[in-house]
C-alpha atoms as a PDB file:
ATOM      1  CA  MET A   1     -19.606  21.999 -19.611  1.00  0.00           C
ATOM      2  CA  PRO A   2     -19.317  25.784 -20.016  1.00  0.00           C
ATOM      3  CA  HIS A   3     -15.871  27.233 -19.443  1.00  0.00           C
ATOM      4  CA  SER A   4     -16.000  30.656 -17.817  1.00  0.00           C
ATOM      5  CA  GLY A   5     -13.474  32.524 -15.666  1.00  0.00           C
ATOM      6  CA  ASN A   6     -15.686  32.438 -12.574  1.00  0.00           C
ATOM      7  CA  ARG A   7     -16.330  28.716 -12.863  1.00  0.00           C
ATOM      8  CA  LEU A   8     -12.627  27.981 -13.226  1.00  0.00           C
ATOM      9  CA  ASP A   9     -11.901  30.128 -10.164  1.00  0.00           C
ATOM     10  CA  LEU A  10     -14.481  28.219  -8.126  1.00  0.00           C
ATOM     11  CA  ILE A  11     -13.053  24.892  -9.260  1.00  0.00           C
ATOM     12  CA  GLY A  12      -9.594  26.126  -8.282  1.00  0.00           C
ATOM     13  CA  GLU A  13     -10.812  26.984  -4.778  1.00  0.00           C
ATOM     14  CA  ASP A  14     -12.522  23.596  -4.445  1.00  0.00           C
ATOM     15  CA  ASP A  15      -9.305  21.872  -5.512  1.00  0.00           C
ATOM     16  CA  LYS A  16      -7.363  23.723  -2.813  1.00  0.00           C
ATOM     17  CA  PHE A  17      -9.753  22.597  -0.076  1.00  0.00           C
ATOM     18  CA  PHE A  18      -9.943  19.069  -1.514  1.00  0.00           C
ATOM     19  CA  ASN A  19      -6.154  18.751  -1.688  1.00  0.00           C
ATOM     20  CA  LEU A  20      -5.826  20.057   1.870  1.00  0.00           C
ATOM     21  CA  HIS A  21      -8.254  17.457   3.223  1.00  0.00           C
ATOM     22  CA  LEU A  22      -6.593  14.771   1.084  1.00  0.00           C
ATOM     23  CA  ILE A  23      -3.161  15.598   2.529  1.00  0.00           C
ATOM     24  CA  MET A  24      -4.535  15.644   6.086  1.00  0.00           C
ATOM     25  CA  ALA A  25      -6.248  12.280   5.589  1.00  0.00           C
ATOM     26  CA  PHE A  26      -3.107  10.839   3.982  1.00  0.00           C
ATOM     27  CA  ASN A  27      -0.943  11.952   6.922  1.00  0.00           C
ATOM     28  CA  PHE A  28      -3.490  10.493   9.360  1.00  0.00           C
ATOM     29  CA  ILE A  29      -3.413   7.129   7.566  1.00  0.00           C
ATOM     30  CA  LEU A  30       0.395   7.163   7.496  1.00  0.00           C
ATOM     31  CA  ASN A  31       0.469   7.812  11.252  1.00  0.00           C
ATOM     32  CA  LEU A  32      -1.898   4.892  11.894  1.00  0.00           C
ATOM     33  CA  ALA A  33       0.106   2.621   9.583  1.00  0.00           C
ATOM     34  CA  GLY A  34       3.302   3.602  11.408  1.00  0.00           C
ATOM     35  CA  ARG A  35       1.833   2.662  14.798  1.00  0.00           C
ATOM     36  CA  ILE A  36       0.217  -0.600  13.736  1.00  0.00           C
ATOM     37  CA  PRO A  37       2.730  -3.347  12.876  1.00  0.00           C
ATOM     38  CA  LEU A  38       1.751  -4.647   9.446  1.00  0.00           C
ATOM     39  CA  SER A  39       1.825  -8.442   9.357  1.00  0.00           C
ATOM     40  CA  VAL A  40       2.256  -9.541   5.755  1.00  0.00           C
END
């Protein structure tokens, strides 16, 4: 895989968006888990 400045910048931007969606999804799951009593 070629390593160039532009490609690294694009990957960095993708990581920002990916992490943002990951955090939002994680918070959503935590909220659902907090509302639903987990029966173990």
